Structures are given as structure tokens and as C-alpha cells.
Amino acid sequence: MGFTVSAPFFGFFGFTQYVRYFFVTPDEMFQQNVTKAAGFGFFSGAGVTSLAIALHFLFPAILPVNIALISCYVVSMVCFTISLVVLEINEQREMETWRWLLK
């Protein structure tokens, strides 16, 4: 049982970007951003899950159930991550605008 080189395995290291949140002091804006991003990720995952299950029942040979459910998880995580990054970028831009105005 050693370390084998498998290309899909390296996708797991994408979760290392979340390590930076261990060192964030959460304020109200950060909690609001995480809540918005989590809601977007959850509802996009729910929509994709219902679509994938419907497609699986309509075309079982084309879309196996395990691929359908895995794709739902991936879509949820990607939507959460992208929306959180966009919200953080907007927050940074807003802070820079206020700093410039207060000088």
C-alpha cells in the first residue's frame, strides 16, 4: 500500500485552499459571505441532483447513478468556491474604495 500516481487523486489537494480560513477572524461580513456562498452551493447542488436523477431514470444507459451523484457534489463545491471567491473580491474592492474616500 504505497503512494500511487493517479491523476484524479490530485484533485483532492484542491481542498488545501480552505486551509487559509483557519486563520481568519470571522466578522459579520465574512459570515454573511459564507452564508450566501453556502446557500448558492446548496441550491445549485439540489437542482443538479434533481436533474441528474431525472436524467438517470430517462436514460439509464447514458448516465449511471454514481456518476450523476458525484457530478452533483462537484457542482456544489465548485459553485460554493467560485461564489465565495467572488464575494471576497467584491468585499476587498469595497474596502479599498472606503479607504480612498476616508483619506
Protein backbone atom coordinates (compact mmCIF):
# COMPACT_ATOMS: atom_id res chain seq x y z
CA MET A 1 0.00 0.00 0.00
CA GLY A 2 2.12 2.82 -1.29
CA PHE A 3 1.57 6.13 -2.91
CA THR A 4 0.43 5.56 -6.44
CA VAL A 5 0.31 8.29 -9.01
CA SER A 6 -3.26 8.72 -10.14
CA ALA A 7 -4.33 11.91 -11.89
CA PRO A 8 -7.84 12.12 -10.33
CA PHE A 9 -6.31 11.76 -6.86
CA PHE A 10 -4.54 15.11 -7.18
CA GLY A 11 -7.90 16.87 -7.35
CA PHE A 12 -8.22 16.17 -3.64
CA PHE A 13 -5.43 18.66 -2.98
CA GLY A 14 -7.76 21.40 -4.20
CA PHE A 15 -9.20 21.42 -0.68
CA THR A 16 -5.91 22.88 0.58
CA GLN A 17 -7.17 26.33 -0.43
CA TYR A 18 -9.57 26.16 2.51
CA VAL A 19 -6.68 25.95 5.00
CA ARG A 20 -6.40 29.75 4.91
CA TYR A 21 -9.80 30.04 6.60
CA PHE A 22 -8.37 28.51 9.78
CA PHE A 23 -6.51 31.78 10.29
CA VAL A 24 -9.39 34.18 9.57
CA THR A 25 -11.07 36.01 12.41
CA PRO A 26 -14.71 35.83 11.37
CA ASP A 27 -16.57 39.09 11.33
CA GLU A 28 -20.15 39.75 10.28
CA MET A 29 -19.27 40.33 6.62
CA PHE A 30 -17.27 37.10 6.41
CA GLN A 31 -20.10 35.11 7.98
CA GLN A 32 -22.58 36.73 5.61
CA ASN A 33 -20.37 35.87 2.61
CA VAL A 34 -20.01 32.25 3.69
CA THR A 35 -23.77 32.02 4.25
CA LYS A 36 -24.51 33.40 0.78
CA ALA A 37 -21.96 31.11 -0.86
CA ALA A 38 -23.23 28.08 1.06
CA GLY A 39 -26.80 28.82 0.04
CA PHE A 40 -25.79 29.15 -3.59
CA GLY A 41 -23.79 25.90 -3.42
CA PHE A 42 -26.60 24.03 -1.69
CA PHE A 43 -29.36 25.10 -4.05
CA SER A 44 -27.26 24.54 -7.15
CA GLY A 45 -26.48 21.05 -5.84
CA ALA A 46 -30.15 20.38 -5.15
CA GLY A 47 -31.09 21.48 -8.65
CA VAL A 48 -28.38 19.42 -10.29
CA THR A 49 -29.30 16.40 -8.15
CA SER A 50 -32.93 16.50 -9.24
CA LEU A 51 -31.88 16.98 -12.85
CA ALA A 52 -29.38 14.11 -12.65
CA ILE A 53 -31.90 11.72 -11.09
CA ALA A 54 -34.47 12.61 -13.74
CA LEU A 55 -31.90 12.06 -16.49
CA HIS A 56 -30.87 8.76 -14.92
CA PHE A 57 -34.44 7.48 -14.95
CA LEU A 58 -34.99 8.68 -18.51
CA PHE A 59 -31.66 7.45 -19.89
CA PRO A 60 -30.19 4.83 -17.52
CA ALA A 61 -27.63 3.57 -20.02
CA ILE A 62 -26.22 7.03 -20.70
CA LEU A 63 -25.94 8.37 -17.15
CA PRO A 64 -25.15 5.86 -14.37
CA VAL A 65 -26.38 6.83 -10.91
CA ASN A 66 -22.92 7.04 -9.33
CA ILE A 67 -21.69 9.48 -11.97
CA ALA A 68 -24.88 11.53 -11.55
CA LEU A 69 -24.45 11.85 -7.79
CA ILE A 70 -20.72 12.56 -7.97
CA SER A 71 -21.33 15.31 -10.51
CA CYS A 72 -23.84 16.90 -8.13
CA TYR A 73 -21.24 17.06 -5.37
CA VAL A 74 -18.67 18.54 -7.72
CA VAL A 75 -21.11 21.18 -8.97
CA SER A 76 -21.99 22.15 -5.38
CA MET A 77 -18.36 22.53 -4.36
CA VAL A 78 -17.43 24.49 -7.48
CA CYS A 79 -20.41 26.85 -7.08
CA PHE A 80 -19.59 27.39 -3.39
CA THR A 81 -15.93 28.08 -4.09
CA ILE A 82 -16.48 30.42 -7.01
CA SER A 83 -19.20 32.39 -5.25
CA LEU A 84 -17.10 32.73 -2.09
CA VAL A 85 -14.12 33.99 -4.07
CA VAL A 86 -16.30 36.49 -5.96
CA LEU A 87 -17.85 37.74 -2.73
CA GLU A 88 -14.40 38.14 -1.14
CA ILE A 89 -13.12 40.06 -4.16
CA ASN A 90 -16.13 42.38 -4.00
CA GLU A 91 -15.53 42.91 -0.29
CA GLN A 92 -11.87 43.79 -0.91
CA ARG A 93 -12.83 46.27 -3.64
CA GLU A 94 -15.38 47.87 -1.36
CA MET A 95 -12.83 48.21 1.43
CA GLU A 96 -10.31 49.83 -0.94
CA THR A 97 -12.97 52.32 -2.07
CA TRP A 98 -13.76 53.33 1.51
CA ARG A 99 -10.05 53.65 2.38
CA TRP A 100 -9.56 56.01 -0.55
CA LEU A 101 -12.60 58.09 0.42
CA LEU A 102 -11.57 58.38 4.06
CA LYS A 103 -8.06 59.68 3.33
